[in-house]
Amino acid sequence: FVRALPEGRRGRAFLFATSGFPVLMGPMTRLLGRRGFEVVDTFSVRA
């Protein structure tokens, strides 16, 4: 979904995940950045 977005200025975003193990947010944060989002914060929780 994010990859399919056309490039351009989009605004602010946050990223969150549920996972059994620690989460690497960097790749998705960079992908959102390339699509014009400013990622202002991230959150993850064990599940």
All heavy atoms as atom14 arrays in JSON, in Angstrom:
{
  "sequence": "FVRALPEGRRGRAFLFATSGFPVLMGPMTRLLGRRGFEVVDTFSVRA",
  "atom14_mask": [
    [1, 1, 1, 1, 1, 1, 1, 1, 1, 1, 1, 0, 0, 0],
    [1, 1, 1, 1, 1, 1, 1, 0, 0, 0, 0, 0, 0, 0],
    [1, 1, 1, 1, 1, 1, 1, 1, 1, 1, 1, 0, 0, 0],
    [1, 1, 1, 1, 1, 0, 0, 0, 0, 0, 0, 0, 0, 0],
    [1, 1, 1, 1, 1, 1, 1, 1, 0, 0, 0, 0, 0, 0],
    [1, 1, 1, 1, 1, 1, 1, 0, 0, 0, 0, 0, 0, 0],
    [1, 1, 1, 1, 1, 1, 1, 1, 1, 0, 0, 0, 0, 0],
    [1, 1, 1, 1, 0, 0, 0, 0, 0, 0, 0, 0, 0, 0],
    [1, 1, 1, 1, 1, 1, 1, 1, 1, 1, 1, 0, 0, 0],
    [1, 1, 1, 1, 1, 1, 1, 1, 1, 1, 1, 0, 0, 0],
    [1, 1, 1, 1, 0, 0, 0, 0, 0, 0, 0, 0, 0, 0],
    [1, 1, 1, 1, 1, 1, 1, 1, 1, 1, 1, 0, 0, 0],
    [1, 1, 1, 1, 1, 0, 0, 0, 0, 0, 0, 0, 0, 0],
    [1, 1, 1, 1, 1, 1, 1, 1, 1, 1, 1, 0, 0, 0],
    [1, 1, 1, 1, 1, 1, 1, 1, 0, 0, 0, 0, 0, 0],
    [1, 1, 1, 1, 1, 1, 1, 1, 1, 1, 1, 0, 0, 0],
    [1, 1, 1, 1, 1, 0, 0, 0, 0, 0, 0, 0, 0, 0],
    [1, 1, 1, 1, 1, 1, 1, 0, 0, 0, 0, 0, 0, 0],
    [1, 1, 1, 1, 1, 1, 0, 0, 0, 0, 0, 0, 0, 0],
    [1, 1, 1, 1, 0, 0, 0, 0, 0, 0, 0, 0, 0, 0],
    [1, 1, 1, 1, 1, 1, 1, 1, 1, 1, 1, 0, 0, 0],
    [1, 1, 1, 1, 1, 1, 1, 0, 0, 0, 0, 0, 0, 0],
    [1, 1, 1, 1, 1, 1, 1, 0, 0, 0, 0, 0, 0, 0],
    [1, 1, 1, 1, 1, 1, 1, 1, 0, 0, 0, 0, 0, 0],
    [1, 1, 1, 1, 1, 1, 1, 1, 0, 0, 0, 0, 0, 0],
    [1, 1, 1, 1, 0, 0, 0, 0, 0, 0, 0, 0, 0, 0],
    [1, 1, 1, 1, 1, 1, 1, 0, 0, 0, 0, 0, 0, 0],
    [1, 1, 1, 1, 1, 1, 1, 1, 0, 0, 0, 0, 0, 0],
    [1, 1, 1, 1, 1, 1, 1, 0, 0, 0, 0, 0, 0, 0],
    [1, 1, 1, 1, 1, 1, 1, 1, 1, 1, 1, 0, 0, 0],
    [1, 1, 1, 1, 1, 1, 1, 1, 0, 0, 0, 0, 0, 0],
    [1, 1, 1, 1, 1, 1, 1, 1, 0, 0, 0, 0, 0, 0],
    [1, 1, 1, 1, 0, 0, 0, 0, 0, 0, 0, 0, 0, 0],
    [1, 1, 1, 1, 1, 1, 1, 1, 1, 1, 1, 0, 0, 0],
    [1, 1, 1, 1, 1, 1, 1, 1, 1, 1, 1, 0, 0, 0],
    [1, 1, 1, 1, 0, 0, 0, 0, 0, 0, 0, 0, 0, 0],
    [1, 1, 1, 1, 1, 1, 1, 1, 1, 1, 1, 0, 0, 0],
    [1, 1, 1, 1, 1, 1, 1, 1, 1, 0, 0, 0, 0, 0],
    [1, 1, 1, 1, 1, 1, 1, 0, 0, 0, 0, 0, 0, 0],
    [1, 1, 1, 1, 1, 1, 1, 0, 0, 0, 0, 0, 0, 0],
    [1, 1, 1, 1, 1, 1, 1, 1, 0, 0, 0, 0, 0, 0],
    [1, 1, 1, 1, 1, 1, 1, 0, 0, 0, 0, 0, 0, 0],
    [1, 1, 1, 1, 1, 1, 1, 1, 1, 1, 1, 0, 0, 0],
    [1, 1, 1, 1, 1, 1, 0, 0, 0, 0, 0, 0, 0, 0],
    [1, 1, 1, 1, 1, 1, 1, 0, 0, 0, 0, 0, 0, 0],
    [1, 1, 1, 1, 1, 1, 1, 1, 1, 1, 1, 0, 0, 0],
    [1, 1, 1, 1, 1, 0, 0, 0, 0, 0, 0, 0, 0, 0]
  ],
  "atom14_positions": [
    [[0.84, -1.2, 0.0], [0.0, 0.0, 0.0], [0.88, 1.25, 0.0], [0.66, 2.17, -0.8], [-0.92, -0.01, 1.22], [-1.72, 1.26, 1.38], [-2.82, 1.52, 0.57], [-1.38, 2.2, 2.34], [-3.55, 2.69, 0.72], [-2.11, 3.36, 2.5], [-3.2, 3.61, 1.67], [0.0, 0.0, 0.0], [0.0, 0.0, 0.0], [0.0, 0.0, 0.0]],
    [[1.86, 1.28, 0.88], [2.74, 2.45, 0.97], [3.59, 2.58, -0.29], [3.73, 3.68, -0.83], [3.62, 2.38, 2.24], [4.64, 3.52, 2.26], [2.74, 2.41, 3.5], [0.0, 0.0, 0.0], [0.0, 0.0, 0.0], [0.0, 0.0, 0.0], [0.0, 0.0, 0.0], [0.0, 0.0, 0.0], [0.0, 0.0, 0.0], [0.0, 0.0, 0.0]],
    [[4.13, 1.47, -0.79], [4.94, 1.52, -2.01], [4.15, 2.06, -3.2], [4.71, 2.7, -4.08], [5.46, 0.12, -2.36], [6.7, -0.26, -1.65], [7.29, -1.54, -2.24], [8.28, -2.06, -1.33], [8.14, -3.17, -0.62], [7.08, -3.93, -0.74], [9.09, -3.55, 0.21], [0.0, 0.0, 0.0], [0.0, 0.0, 0.0], [0.0, 0.0, 0.0]],
    [[2.86, 1.77, -3.25], [2.02, 2.18, -4.38], [1.66, 3.67, -4.35], [1.17, 4.2, -5.35], [0.74, 1.34, -4.42], [0.0, 0.0, 0.0], [0.0, 0.0, 0.0], [0.0, 0.0, 0.0], [0.0, 0.0, 0.0], [0.0, 0.0, 0.0], [0.0, 0.0, 0.0], [0.0, 0.0, 0.0], [0.0, 0.0, 0.0], [0.0, 0.0, 0.0]],
    [[1.9, 4.32, -3.23], [1.59, 5.75, -3.15], [2.54, 6.54, -4.04], [3.74, 6.29, -4.04], [1.72, 6.26, -1.71], [0.75, 5.69, -0.69], [1.14, 6.13, 0.72], [-0.68, 6.1, -1.02], [0.0, 0.0, 0.0], [0.0, 0.0, 0.0], [0.0, 0.0, 0.0], [0.0, 0.0, 0.0], [0.0, 0.0, 0.0], [0.0, 0.0, 0.0]],
    [[2.02, 7.5, -4.78], [2.92, 8.34, -5.57], [3.78, 9.19, -4.64], [3.36, 9.53, -3.53], [1.97, 9.2, -6.4], [0.64, 9.08, -5.78], [0.62, 7.85, -4.95], [0.0, 0.0, 0.0], [0.0, 0.0, 0.0], [0.0, 0.0, 0.0], [0.0, 0.0, 0.0], [0.0, 0.0, 0.0], [0.0, 0.0, 0.0], [0.0, 0.0, 0.0]],
    [[4.98, 9.49, -5.07], [5.85, 10.34, -4.27], [5.26, 11.74, -4.18], [4.56, 12.17, -5.09], [7.26, 10.38, -4.88], [7.96, 9.04, -4.77], [9.38, 9.08, -5.33], [9.96, 10.17, -5.44], [9.9, 8.01, -5.65], [0.0, 0.0, 0.0], [0.0, 0.0, 0.0], [0.0, 0.0, 0.0], [0.0, 0.0, 0.0], [0.0, 0.0, 0.0]],
    [[5.54, 12.4, -3.09], [5.04, 13.76, -2.9], [4.91, 14.06, -1.43], [4.9, 13.16, -0.6], [0.0, 0.0, 0.0], [0.0, 0.0, 0.0], [0.0, 0.0, 0.0], [0.0, 0.0, 0.0], [0.0, 0.0, 0.0], [0.0, 0.0, 0.0], [0.0, 0.0, 0.0], [0.0, 0.0, 0.0], [0.0, 0.0, 0.0], [0.0, 0.0, 0.0]],
    [[4.81, 15.32, -1.11], [4.68, 15.71, 0.29], [3.34, 15.29, 0.83], [2.3, 15.58, 0.27], [4.84, 17.23, 0.4], [4.85, 17.73, 1.81], [5.55, 19.07, 1.9], [5.32, 19.87, 3.06], [5.25, 19.48, 4.32], [5.3, 18.21, 4.61], [5.09, 20.31, 5.32], [0.0, 0.0, 0.0], [0.0, 0.0, 0.0], [0.0, 0.0, 0.0]],
    [[3.34, 14.58, 1.95], [2.1, 14.03, 2.5], [1.75, 14.53, 3.88], [0.59, 14.57, 4.22], [2.17, 12.52, 2.58], [2.42, 11.89, 1.28], [1.58, 10.66, 1.1], [1.85, 10.14, -0.21], [1.23, 10.54, -1.31], [0.28, 11.4, -1.25], [1.57, 10.05, -2.47], [0.0, 0.0, 0.0], [0.0, 0.0, 0.0], [0.0, 0.0, 0.0]],
    [[2.69, 14.81, 4.73], [2.36, 15.21, 6.09], [2.96, 14.28, 7.11], [3.91, 13.56, 6.84], [0.0, 0.0, 0.0], [0.0, 0.0, 0.0], [0.0, 0.0, 0.0], [0.0, 0.0, 0.0], [0.0, 0.0, 0.0], [0.0, 0.0, 0.0], [0.0, 0.0, 0.0], [0.0, 0.0, 0.0], [0.0, 0.0, 0.0], [0.0, 0.0, 0.0]],
    [[2.36, 14.26, 8.28], [2.93, 13.53, 9.41], [2.32, 12.14, 9.54], [1.15, 11.94, 9.23], [2.74, 14.33, 10.69], [3.48, 15.66, 10.63], [3.23, 16.5, 11.82], [1.81, 16.89, 11.85], [1.3, 17.77, 12.69], [2.06, 18.35, 13.58], [0.02, 18.06, 12.65], [0.0, 0.0, 0.0], [0.0, 0.0, 0.0], [0.0, 0.0, 0.0]],
    [[3.15, 11.23, 10.06], [2.72, 9.85, 10.25], [3.36, 9.28, 11.5], [4.35, 9.81, 12.01], [3.11, 9.0, 9.04], [0.0, 0.0, 0.0], [0.0, 0.0, 0.0], [0.0, 0.0, 0.0], [0.0, 0.0, 0.0], [0.0, 0.0, 0.0], [0.0, 0.0, 0.0], [0.0, 0.0, 0.0], [0.0, 0.0, 0.0], [0.0, 0.0, 0.0]],
    [[2.75, 8.21, 12.0], [3.4, 7.41, 13.04], [3.3, 5.96, 12.63], [2.49, 5.58, 11.79], [2.79, 7.67, 14.43], [1.37, 7.23, 14.62], [1.07, 5.99, 15.17], [0.32, 8.07, 14.27], [-0.25, 5.58, 15.36], [-1.0, 7.68, 14.46], [-1.28, 6.43, 15.01], [0.0, 0.0, 0.0], [0.0, 0.0, 0.0], [0.0, 0.0, 0.0]],
    [[4.15, 5.15, 13.23], [4.28, 3.75, 12.86], [4.14, 2.92, 14.12], [4.68, 3.28, 15.17], [5.67, 3.57, 12.22], [6.03, 2.25, 11.58], [5.06, 1.89, 10.48], [7.44, 2.35, 11.02], [0.0, 0.0, 0.0], [0.0, 0.0, 0.0], [0.0, 0.0, 0.0], [0.0, 0.0, 0.0], [0.0, 0.0, 0.0], [0.0, 0.0, 0.0]],
    [[3.42, 1.79, 14.02], [3.29, 0.9, 15.17], [3.25, -0.54, 14.72], [2.92, -0.84, 13.57], [2.06, 1.26, 16.02], [0.74, 1.0, 15.34], [0.02, -0.15, 15.61], [0.21, 1.92, 14.45], [-1.2, -0.38, 14.99], [-1.01, 1.7, 13.84], [-1.72, 0.54, 14.1], [0.0, 0.0, 0.0], [0.0, 0.0, 0.0], [0.0, 0.0, 0.0]],
    [[3.62, -1.44, 15.65], [3.67, -2.85, 15.31], [3.39, -3.71, 16.54], [3.64, -3.3, 17.67], [5.06, -3.2, 14.76], [0.0, 0.0, 0.0], [0.0, 0.0, 0.0], [0.0, 0.0, 0.0], [0.0, 0.0, 0.0], [0.0, 0.0, 0.0], [0.0, 0.0, 0.0], [0.0, 0.0, 0.0], [0.0, 0.0, 0.0], [0.0, 0.0, 0.0]],
    [[2.89, -4.92, 16.27], [2.79, -5.96, 17.28], [3.68, -7.1, 16.81], [3.74, -7.4, 15.61], [1.34, -6.46, 17.44], [0.87, -6.95, 16.19], [0.44, -5.35, 17.94], [0.0, 0.0, 0.0], [0.0, 0.0, 0.0], [0.0, 0.0, 0.0], [0.0, 0.0, 0.0], [0.0, 0.0, 0.0], [0.0, 0.0, 0.0], [0.0, 0.0, 0.0]],
    [[4.39, -7.7, 17.77], [5.35, -8.73, 17.37], [5.75, -9.59, 18.55], [5.73, -9.13, 19.69], [6.59, -8.05, 16.79], [7.56, -9.01, 16.44], [0.0, 0.0, 0.0], [0.0, 0.0, 0.0], [0.0, 0.0, 0.0], [0.0, 0.0, 0.0], [0.0, 0.0, 0.0], [0.0, 0.0, 0.0], [0.0, 0.0, 0.0], [0.0, 0.0, 0.0]],
    [[6.14, -10.8, 18.25], [6.65, -11.69, 19.28], [8.05, -11.32, 19.71], [8.48, -11.66, 20.81], [0.0, 0.0, 0.0], [0.0, 0.0, 0.0], [0.0, 0.0, 0.0], [0.0, 0.0, 0.0], [0.0, 0.0, 0.0], [0.0, 0.0, 0.0], [0.0, 0.0, 0.0], [0.0, 0.0, 0.0], [0.0, 0.0, 0.0], [0.0, 0.0, 0.0]],
    [[8.78, -10.64, 18.87], [10.18, -10.29, 19.11], [10.39, -8.81, 18.84], [9.52, -8.14, 18.29], [11.08, -11.13, 18.18], [10.96, -12.61, 18.43], [10.17, -13.42, 17.63], [11.62, -13.2, 19.5], [10.04, -14.77, 17.87], [11.51, -14.55, 19.76], [10.72, -15.35, 18.94], [0.0, 0.0, 0.0], [0.0, 0.0, 0.0], [0.0, 0.0, 0.0]],
    [[11.56, -8.26, 19.18], [11.83, -6.84, 18.9], [11.63, -6.52, 17.42], [11.86, -7.35, 16.55], [13.29, -6.67, 19.31], [13.51, -7.74, 20.34], [12.66, -8.9, 19.89], [0.0, 0.0, 0.0], [0.0, 0.0, 0.0], [0.0, 0.0, 0.0], [0.0, 0.0, 0.0], [0.0, 0.0, 0.0], [0.0, 0.0, 0.0], [0.0, 0.0, 0.0]],
    [[11.21, -5.29, 17.17], [10.84, -4.84, 15.83], [11.87, -3.85, 15.29], [12.3, -2.95, 16.01], [9.46, -4.15, 15.87], [9.07, -3.63, 14.5], [8.41, -5.09, 16.41], [0.0, 0.0, 0.0], [0.0, 0.0, 0.0], [0.0, 0.0, 0.0], [0.0, 0.0, 0.0], [0.0, 0.0, 0.0], [0.0, 0.0, 0.0], [0.0, 0.0, 0.0]],
    [[12.22, -4.02, 14.03], [13.07, -3.05, 13.34], [12.16, -2.1, 12.57], [11.54, -2.49, 11.58], [14.04, -3.75, 12.39], [15.03, -4.7, 13.03], [15.81, -5.46, 11.96], [15.96, -3.94, 13.96], [0.0, 0.0, 0.0], [0.0, 0.0, 0.0], [0.0, 0.0, 0.0], [0.0, 0.0, 0.0], [0.0, 0.0, 0.0], [0.0, 0.0, 0.0]],
    [[12.08, -0.87, 13.02], [11.18, 0.11, 12.4], [11.84, 0.84, 11.23], [11.14, 1.44, 10.41], [10.74, 1.15, 13.44], [9.96, 0.58, 14.59], [8.27, 0.27, 14.08], [7.48, 0.09, 15.65], [0.0, 0.0, 0.0], [0.0, 0.0, 0.0], [0.0, 0.0, 0.0], [0.0, 0.0, 0.0], [0.0, 0.0, 0.0], [0.0, 0.0, 0.0]],
    [[13.16, 0.8, 11.15], [13.89, 1.58, 10.15], [13.45, 1.39, 8.72], [13.19, 2.38, 8.01], [0.0, 0.0, 0.0], [0.0, 0.0, 0.0], [0.0, 0.0, 0.0], [0.0, 0.0, 0.0], [0.0, 0.0, 0.0], [0.0, 0.0, 0.0], [0.0, 0.0, 0.0], [0.0, 0.0, 0.0], [0.0, 0.0, 0.0], [0.0, 0.0, 0.0]],
    [[13.33, 0.15, 8.23], [12.95, -0.01, 6.82], [11.58, 0.6, 6.48], [11.44, 1.27, 5.45], [12.94, -1.54, 6.62], [13.91, -2.04, 7.65], [13.74, -1.13, 8.84], [0.0, 0.0, 0.0], [0.0, 0.0, 0.0], [0.0, 0.0, 0.0], [0.0, 0.0, 0.0], [0.0, 0.0, 0.0], [0.0, 0.0, 0.0], [0.0, 0.0, 0.0]],
    [[10.6, 0.42, 7.33], [9.27, 0.99, 7.05], [9.27, 2.5, 7.24], [8.62, 3.22, 6.47], [8.22, 0.33, 7.95], [6.81, 0.65, 7.56], [6.39, -0.01, 5.93], [4.63, 0.19, 5.95], [0.0, 0.0, 0.0], [0.0, 0.0, 0.0], [0.0, 0.0, 0.0], [0.0, 0.0, 0.0], [0.0, 0.0, 0.0], [0.0, 0.0, 0.0]],
    [[10.02, 2.98, 8.21], [10.15, 4.43, 8.4], [10.75, 5.08, 7.15], [10.26, 6.11, 6.69], [11.02, 4.73, 9.64], [10.4, 4.15, 10.79], [11.2, 6.22, 9.86], [0.0, 0.0, 0.0], [0.0, 0.0, 0.0], [0.0, 0.0, 0.0], [0.0, 0.0, 0.0], [0.0, 0.0, 0.0], [0.0, 0.0, 0.0], [0.0, 0.0, 0.0]],
    [[11.79, 4.46, 6.61], [12.41, 5.0, 5.39], [11.45, 4.94, 4.2], [11.38, 5.87, 3.4], [13.7, 4.25, 5.08], [14.84, 4.63, 6.04], [16.17, 4.05, 5.63], [16.22, 2.59, 5.74], [16.46, 1.92, 6.87], [16.68, 2.57, 7.99], [16.5, 0.6, 6.86], [0.0, 0.0, 0.0], [0.0, 0.0, 0.0], [0.0, 0.0, 0.0]],
    [[10.69, 3.84, 4.08], [9.72, 3.73, 2.99], [8.67, 4.83, 3.09], [8.35, 5.49, 2.09], [9.05, 2.35, 3.02], [7.96, 2.1, 1.97], [8.49, 2.28, 0.55], [7.36, 0.72, 2.16], [0.0, 0.0, 0.0], [0.0, 0.0, 0.0], [0.0, 0.0, 0.0], [0.0, 0.0, 0.0], [0.0, 0.0, 0.0], [0.0, 0.0, 0.0]],
    [[8.15, 5.08, 4.28], [7.19, 6.17, 4.46], [7.83, 7.51, 4.12], [7.18, 8.36, 3.48], [6.65, 6.17, 5.89], [5.66, 5.06, 6.21], [5.46, 4.94, 7.71], [4.34, 5.29, 5.51], [0.0, 0.0, 0.0], [0.0, 0.0, 0.0], [0.0, 0.0, 0.0], [0.0, 0.0, 0.0], [0.0, 0.0, 0.0], [0.0, 0.0, 0.0]],
    [[9.07, 7.71, 4.51], [9.79, 8.94, 4.18], [9.92, 9.15, 2.68], [9.75, 10.27, 2.18], [0.0, 0.0, 0.0], [0.0, 0.0, 0.0], [0.0, 0.0, 0.0], [0.0, 0.0, 0.0], [0.0, 0.0, 0.0], [0.0, 0.0, 0.0], [0.0, 0.0, 0.0], [0.0, 0.0, 0.0], [0.0, 0.0, 0.0], [0.0, 0.0, 0.0]],
    [[10.19, 8.06, 1.95], [10.3, 8.16, 0.49], [8.97, 8.49, -0.16], [8.93, 8.97, -1.29], [10.88, 6.87, -0.09], [12.37, 6.7, 0.18], [12.98, 5.58, -0.66], [12.38, 4.29, -0.42], [12.77, 3.4, 0.5], [13.77, 3.69, 1.32], [12.17, 2.23, 0.61], [0.0, 0.0, 0.0], [0.0, 0.0, 0.0], [0.0, 0.0, 0.0]],
    [[7.88, 8.24, 0.52], [6.55, 8.55, -0.01], [6.02, 9.87, 0.53], [4.85, 10.19, 0.36], [5.56, 7.41, 0.31], [5.87, 6.14, -0.46], [5.81, 6.41, -1.97], [6.1, 5.25, -2.76], [7.29, 5.02, -3.35], [8.27, 5.87, -3.22], [7.47, 3.95, -4.07], [0.0, 0.0, 0.0], [0.0, 0.0, 0.0], [0.0, 0.0, 0.0]],
    [[6.89, 10.64, 1.18], [6.53, 11.99, 1.56], [6.02, 12.19, 2.97], [5.6, 13.28, 3.34], [0.0, 0.0, 0.0], [0.0, 0.0, 0.0], [0.0, 0.0, 0.0], [0.0, 0.0, 0.0], [0.0, 0.0, 0.0], [0.0, 0.0, 0.0], [0.0, 0.0, 0.0], [0.0, 0.0, 0.0], [0.0, 0.0, 0.0], [0.0, 0.0, 0.0]],
    [[6.04, 11.14, 3.8], [5.59, 11.27, 5.18], [6.75, 11.62, 6.1], [7.86, 11.11, 5.92], [4.96, 9.97, 5.68], [3.62, 9.67, 5.09], [3.5, 8.78, 4.04], [2.48, 10.27, 5.59], [2.26, 8.49, 3.49], [1.24, 9.99, 5.06], [1.14, 9.11, 3.99], [0.0, 0.0, 0.0], [0.0, 0.0, 0.0], [0.0, 0.0, 0.0]],
    [[6.48, 12.45, 7.07], [7.42, 12.7, 8.16], [6.97, 11.8, 9.32], [5.91, 12.03, 9.91], [7.38, 14.16, 8.6], [8.21, 14.43, 9.82], [7.9, 15.77, 10.48], [7.05, 16.53, 9.94], [8.47, 16.02, 11.55], [0.0, 0.0, 0.0], [0.0, 0.0, 0.0], [0.0, 0.0, 0.0], [0.0, 0.0, 0.0], [0.0, 0.0, 0.0]],
    [[7.75, 10.77, 9.62], [7.4, 9.86, 10.72], [7.8, 10.53, 12.03], [8.98, 10.73, 12.3], [8.07, 8.48, 10.55], [7.75, 7.58, 11.74], [7.62, 7.83, 9.25], [0.0, 0.0, 0.0], [0.0, 0.0, 0.0], [0.0, 0.0, 0.0], [0.0, 0.0, 0.0], [0.0, 0.0, 0.0], [0.0, 0.0, 0.0], [0.0, 0.0, 0.0]],
    [[6.8, 10.88, 12.82], [7.03, 11.64, 14.04], [7.27, 10.76, 15.26], [7.83, 11.24, 16.26], [5.89, 12.65, 14.32], [5.83, 13.7, 13.22], [4.56, 11.96, 14.48], [0.0, 0.0, 0.0], [0.0, 0.0, 0.0], [0.0, 0.0, 0.0], [0.0, 0.0, 0.0], [0.0, 0.0, 0.0], [0.0, 0.0, 0.0], [0.0, 0.0, 0.0]],
    [[6.85, 9.49, 15.21], [7.08, 8.6, 16.35], [6.74, 7.17, 15.96], [6.07, 6.92, 14.95], [6.24, 9.02, 17.55], [6.92, 8.72, 18.89], [7.89, 7.91, 18.92], [6.51, 9.3, 19.89], [0.0, 0.0, 0.0], [0.0, 0.0, 0.0], [0.0, 0.0, 0.0], [0.0, 0.0, 0.0], [0.0, 0.0, 0.0], [0.0, 0.0, 0.0]],
    [[7.22, 6.23, 16.78], [6.94, 4.82, 16.58], [6.56, 4.17, 17.9], [6.92, 4.67, 18.98], [8.16, 4.07, 15.99], [9.23, 4.12, 16.93], [8.59, 4.67, 14.66], [0.0, 0.0, 0.0], [0.0, 0.0, 0.0], [0.0, 0.0, 0.0], [0.0, 0.0, 0.0], [0.0, 0.0, 0.0], [0.0, 0.0, 0.0], [0.0, 0.0, 0.0]],
    [[5.84, 3.05, 17.8], [5.4, 2.31, 18.99], [5.35, 0.84, 18.63], [4.9, 0.47, 17.54], [4.0, 2.79, 19.4], [3.41, 2.05, 20.56], [3.77, 2.37, 21.86], [2.49, 1.03, 20.36], [3.24, 1.69, 22.94], [1.94, 0.35, 21.43], [2.32, 0.68, 22.72], [0.0, 0.0, 0.0], [0.0, 0.0, 0.0], [0.0, 0.0, 0.0]],
    [[5.82, 0.01, 19.54], [5.67, -1.43, 19.33], [5.33, -2.09, 20.65], [5.66, -1.57, 21.73], [6.93, -2.04, 18.73], [8.0, -1.98, 19.64], [0.0, 0.0, 0.0], [0.0, 0.0, 0.0], [0.0, 0.0, 0.0], [0.0, 0.0, 0.0], [0.0, 0.0, 0.0], [0.0, 0.0, 0.0], [0.0, 0.0, 0.0], [0.0, 0.0, 0.0]],
    [[4.67, -3.22, 20.55], [4.26, -3.96, 21.73], [4.39, -5.45, 21.43], [4.18, -5.89, 20.29], [2.81, -3.57, 22.13], [1.8, -3.99, 21.11], [2.45, -4.14, 23.48], [0.0, 0.0, 0.0], [0.0, 0.0, 0.0], [0.0, 0.0, 0.0], [0.0, 0.0, 0.0], [0.0, 0.0, 0.0], [0.0, 0.0, 0.0], [0.0, 0.0, 0.0]],
    [[4.75, -6.2, 22.43], [4.81, -7.65, 22.29], [3.39, -8.19, 22.16], [2.45, -7.66, 22.76], [5.48, -8.29, 23.51], [6.93, -7.95, 23.64], [7.74, -8.73, 22.62], [9.14, -8.76, 22.98], [10.02, -7.85, 22.64], [9.64, -6.82, 21.91], [11.27, -7.95, 23.0], [0.0, 0.0, 0.0], [0.0, 0.0, 0.0], [0.0, 0.0, 0.0]],
    [[3.25, -9.26, 21.39], [1.95, -9.88, 21.18], [2.14, -11.37, 20.94], [3.24, -11.83, 20.63], [1.26, -9.24, 19.98], [0.0, 0.0, 0.0], [0.0, 0.0, 0.0], [0.0, 0.0, 0.0], [0.0, 0.0, 0.0], [0.0, 0.0, 0.0], [0.0, 0.0, 0.0], [0.0, 0.0, 0.0], [0.0, 0.0, 0.0], [0.0, 0.0, 0.0]]
  ]
}
